[in-house]
Structure formats: structure tokens, C-alpha cells
Amino acid sequence: MMAVLYRADRIRRPHTALPMRALKANDGWCDAVGDGNYNRWVRHPYPARAERLWREDALYDVIVVLDHNRMPRVQGAGSAIFIHVARPGYRPTEGCIALMQRHLLLMLARVGRGARVAVG
């Protein structure tokens, strides 16, 4: 199931039927192959490598956590695969899907709980 994380200090709560929660400054996502929390949400400080979800740039002001490699989780098969806000000029991501913030918010307002993302 997809879920939405957002920066409540920067944007209003998005309108969506998907499960949602506000990000906290210590939120992270473990991407350390071999760690028991690989491809899971964690809190910083975390002893293994984990991406910080609370960023200074706007890329993670809205995050849609995708089900990629969630059940079953396979070590090394991909971690922290999200839909998030695009960099200026749509510069490449590290394996995620990126949209302009306004388009991401419009998409969220239109999807239901059973929504699926297909990349092809």
C-alpha cells in the first residue's frame, strides 16, 4: 500500500485518500544492504546508512512511498523508491519518480487507496 509523507512546516496537508503522516526532523529510510531495517522507515540517528527524509531542499516536501521491494523485501533489490518533488529542470533522480509539486499534489487528490503505479 502506498503512503504519503509531507513537511507540515512547509506545505498544507495534501488532500488524498492514501494513508498519510507529517514528517519529523529525525525521519529516515534505511538503505544499508544487510541491515534488518533495509528499505524501511527509521529514526535518526541510525547506526546503519539511512537517507534523511527531512531535507533542506524541497525534494521531500511531499513523498509517496511506493511498494517497491516492500513485501517480501529483498536485500539489495532497491530501497527508498518514492514519488517526490522534482529538481529544477527535472534533473535525474536516484531511481525515484519526480513530479513538479503542484502536479504531485493534483495526482494525490485524485488517487484512491487501491491506486497502483505502473512504470513501463
C-alpha atoms as a PDB file:
ATOM      1  CA  MET A   1       0.000   0.000   0.000  1.00  0.00           C
ATOM      2  CA  MET A   2       1.297   3.446  -0.867  1.00  0.00           C
ATOM      3  CA  ALA A   3       1.568   6.075   1.853  1.00  0.00           C
ATOM      4  CA  VAL A   4       2.256   9.817   1.845  1.00  0.00           C
ATOM      5  CA  LEU A   5       4.752  11.724   3.990  1.00  0.00           C
ATOM      6  CA  TYR A   6       4.859  15.517   3.930  1.00  0.00           C
ATOM      7  CA  ARG A   7       6.588  18.519   5.520  1.00  0.00           C
ATOM      8  CA  ALA A   8       3.847  20.189   7.589  1.00  0.00           C
ATOM      9  CA  ASP A   9       6.158  23.132   8.257  1.00  0.00           C
ATOM     10  CA  ARG A  10       6.309  23.882   4.517  1.00  0.00           C
ATOM     11  CA  ILE A  11       3.024  22.772   2.954  1.00  0.00           C
ATOM     12  CA  ARG A  12      -0.563  22.153   3.991  1.00  0.00           C
ATOM     13  CA  ARG A  13      -1.719  18.600   4.492  1.00  0.00           C
ATOM     14  CA  PRO A  14      -2.292  17.173   1.000  1.00  0.00           C
ATOM     15  CA  HIS A  15      -5.787  16.066   0.022  1.00  0.00           C
ATOM     16  CA  THR A  16      -5.695  12.335  -0.659  1.00  0.00           C
ATOM     17  CA  ALA A  17      -7.363   9.057   0.237  1.00  0.00           C
ATOM     18  CA  LEU A  18      -3.949   7.479   0.844  1.00  0.00           C
ATOM     19  CA  PRO A  19      -2.621   6.969   4.384  1.00  0.00           C
ATOM     20  CA  MET A  20      -0.565   9.971   5.410  1.00  0.00           C
ATOM     21  CA  ARG A  21       1.566  11.452   8.162  1.00  0.00           C
ATOM     22  CA  ALA A  22       3.689  14.524   8.688  1.00  0.00           C
ATOM     23  CA  LEU A  23       7.450  14.087   8.527  1.00  0.00           C
ATOM     24  CA  LYS A  24       9.590  14.666  11.601  1.00  0.00           C
ATOM     25  CA  ALA A  25      13.127  16.020  11.624  1.00  0.00           C
ATOM     26  CA  ASN A  26      14.591  12.645  12.605  1.00  0.00           C
ATOM     27  CA  ASP A  27      12.809  10.546   9.955  1.00  0.00           C
ATOM     28  CA  GLY A  28      14.971   8.398   7.728  1.00  0.00           C
ATOM     29  CA  TRP A  29      14.831   5.448   5.333  1.00  0.00           C
ATOM     30  CA  CYS A  30      17.359   2.647   5.720  1.00  0.00           C
ATOM     31  CA  ASP A  31      19.215   1.760   2.526  1.00  0.00           C
ATOM     32  CA  ALA A  32      22.021  -0.284   4.106  1.00  0.00           C
ATOM     33  CA  VAL A  33      22.156  -3.705   2.455  1.00  0.00           C
ATOM     34  CA  GLY A  34      22.431  -6.316   5.201  1.00  0.00           C
ATOM     35  CA  ASP A  35      20.632  -4.237   7.844  1.00  0.00           C
ATOM     36  CA  GLY A  36      17.446  -5.702   9.340  1.00  0.00           C
ATOM     37  CA  ASN A  37      15.585  -2.495   8.514  1.00  0.00           C
ATOM     38  CA  TYR A  38      16.679  -2.337   4.879  1.00  0.00           C
ATOM     39  CA  ASN A  39      14.029  -0.479   2.849  1.00  0.00           C
ATOM     40  CA  ARG A  40      12.133   0.602   5.954  1.00  0.00           C
ATOM     41  CA  TRP A  41      11.430   3.839   7.775  1.00  0.00           C
ATOM     42  CA  VAL A  42      13.866   4.517  10.656  1.00  0.00           C
ATOM     43  CA  ARG A  43      14.684   7.313  13.097  1.00  0.00           C
ATOM     44  CA  HIS A  44      17.971   9.219  13.092  1.00  0.00           C
ATOM     45  CA  PRO A  45      20.483   8.853  14.484  1.00  0.00           C
ATOM     46  CA  TYR A  46      20.528   5.376  12.987  1.00  0.00           C
ATOM     47  CA  PRO A  47      23.582   3.098  13.214  1.00  0.00           C
ATOM     48  CA  ALA A  48      23.493   1.994   9.565  1.00  0.00           C
ATOM     49  CA  ARG A  49      23.285   4.020   6.367  1.00  0.00           C
ATOM     50  CA  ALA A  50      19.883   5.694   6.135  1.00  0.00           C
ATOM     51  CA  GLU A  51      18.683   8.515   3.937  1.00  0.00           C
ATOM     52  CA  ARG A  52      17.403  11.619   5.742  1.00  0.00           C
ATOM     53  CA  LEU A  53      13.825  12.395   4.766  1.00  0.00           C
ATOM     54  CA  TRP A  54      13.884  15.865   6.372  1.00  0.00           C
ATOM     55  CA  ARG A  55      15.827  17.789   3.739  1.00  0.00           C
ATOM     56  CA  GLU A  56      16.852  21.399   3.298  1.00  0.00           C
ATOM     57  CA  ASP A  57      15.784  21.385  -0.356  1.00  0.00           C
ATOM     58  CA  ALA A  58      12.146  20.872  -1.317  1.00  0.00           C
ATOM     59  CA  LEU A  59      12.515  17.423  -2.902  1.00  0.00           C
ATOM     60  CA  TYR A  60      10.933  15.584   0.015  1.00  0.00           C
ATOM     61  CA  ASP A  61       8.304  18.157   0.966  1.00  0.00           C
ATOM     62  CA  VAL A  62       5.866  15.511  -0.332  1.00  0.00           C
ATOM     63  CA  ILE A  63       6.852  11.846  -0.626  1.00  0.00           C
ATOM     64  CA  VAL A  64       4.758   8.945  -1.856  1.00  0.00           C
ATOM     65  CA  VAL A  65       6.283   5.752  -0.519  1.00  0.00           C
ATOM     66  CA  LEU A  66       5.870   3.088  -3.189  1.00  0.00           C
ATOM     67  CA  ASP A  67       5.522  -0.628  -2.555  1.00  0.00           C
ATOM     68  CA  HIS A  68       8.697  -1.438  -4.472  1.00  0.00           C
ATOM     69  CA  ASN A  69      10.602  -4.214  -2.693  1.00  0.00           C
ATOM     70  CA  ARG A  70       8.436  -3.993   0.431  1.00  0.00           C
ATOM     71  CA  MET A  71       6.857  -7.460   0.714  1.00  0.00           C
ATOM     72  CA  PRO A  72       8.888  -9.509   0.515  1.00  0.00           C
ATOM     73  CA  ARG A  73      11.923  -7.285   0.997  1.00  0.00           C
ATOM     74  CA  VAL A  74      14.970  -8.493  -0.864  1.00  0.00           C
ATOM     75  CA  GLN A  75      18.328  -7.138   0.288  1.00  0.00           C
ATOM     76  CA  GLY A  76      19.927  -5.123  -2.493  1.00  0.00           C
ATOM     77  CA  ALA A  77      16.826  -5.075  -4.728  1.00  0.00           C
ATOM     78  CA  GLY A  78      16.159  -1.369  -4.201  1.00  0.00           C
ATOM     79  CA  SER A  79      15.380   0.906  -1.310  1.00  0.00           C
ATOM     80  CA  ALA A  80      13.715   4.295  -0.819  1.00  0.00           C
ATOM     81  CA  ILE A  81      11.854   4.226  -4.131  1.00  0.00           C
ATOM     82  CA  PHE A  82       9.472   7.163  -3.892  1.00  0.00           C
ATOM     83  CA  ILE A  83       7.463   9.633  -5.900  1.00  0.00           C
ATOM     84  CA  HIS A  84       8.724  13.034  -4.770  1.00  0.00           C
ATOM     85  CA  VAL A  85       9.103  16.649  -5.866  1.00  0.00           C
ATOM     86  CA  ALA A  86      11.249  17.139  -8.970  1.00  0.00           C
ATOM     87  CA  ARG A  87      14.521  19.024  -9.049  1.00  0.00           C
ATOM     88  CA  PRO A  88      14.586  22.171 -11.172  1.00  0.00           C
ATOM     89  CA  GLY A  89      14.736  21.202 -14.837  1.00  0.00           C
ATOM     90  CA  TYR A  90      13.655  17.651 -13.933  1.00  0.00           C
ATOM     91  CA  ARG A  91      17.236  16.628 -13.297  1.00  0.00           C
ATOM     92  CA  PRO A  92      17.528  12.844 -12.759  1.00  0.00           C
ATOM     93  CA  THR A  93      16.638  11.109  -9.505  1.00  0.00           C
ATOM     94  CA  GLU A  94      18.381   8.080  -7.993  1.00  0.00           C
ATOM     95  CA  GLY A  95      15.668   5.663  -9.115  1.00  0.00           C
ATOM     96  CA  CYS A  96      12.554   7.541  -7.998  1.00  0.00           C
ATOM     97  CA  ILE A  97       9.721   9.202  -9.891  1.00  0.00           C
ATOM     98  CA  ALA A  98       9.713  13.007  -9.649  1.00  0.00           C
ATOM     99  CA  LEU A  99       6.945  15.485 -10.456  1.00  0.00           C
ATOM    100  CA  MET A 100       6.508  19.214 -10.046  1.00  0.00           C
ATOM    101  CA  GLN A 101       4.984  19.764  -6.594  1.00  0.00           C
ATOM    102  CA  ARG A 102       1.693  21.087  -7.956  1.00  0.00           C
ATOM    103  CA  HIS A 103       1.330  18.049 -10.246  1.00  0.00           C
ATOM    104  CA  LEU A 104       2.185  15.682  -7.399  1.00  0.00           C
ATOM    105  CA  LEU A 105      -0.492  17.293  -5.207  1.00  0.00           C
ATOM    106  CA  LEU A 106      -3.052  17.104  -8.039  1.00  0.00           C
ATOM    107  CA  MET A 107      -2.262  13.414  -8.526  1.00  0.00           C
ATOM    108  CA  LEU A 108      -2.652  12.723  -4.810  1.00  0.00           C
ATOM    109  CA  ALA A 109      -6.057  14.396  -4.758  1.00  0.00           C
ATOM    110  CA  ARG A 110      -7.249  12.023  -7.481  1.00  0.00           C
ATOM    111  CA  VAL A 111      -5.925   8.633  -6.369  1.00  0.00           C
ATOM    112  CA  GLY A 112      -7.743   6.171  -4.157  1.00  0.00           C
ATOM    113  CA  ARG A 113      -6.436   3.685  -1.615  1.00  0.00           C
ATOM    114  CA  GLY A 114      -6.179   0.924  -4.211  1.00  0.00           C
ATOM    115  CA  ALA A 115      -4.086   3.006  -6.608  1.00  0.00           C
ATOM    116  CA  ARG A 116      -1.169   1.297  -8.302  1.00  0.00           C
ATOM    117  CA  VAL A 117       1.843   2.766 -10.045  1.00  0.00           C
ATOM    118  CA  ALA A 118       2.966   1.008 -13.209  1.00  0.00           C
ATOM    119  CA  VAL A 119       6.228   2.040 -14.854  1.00  0.00           C
ATOM    120  CA  GLY A 120       6.760   0.710 -18.300  1.00  0.00           C
END
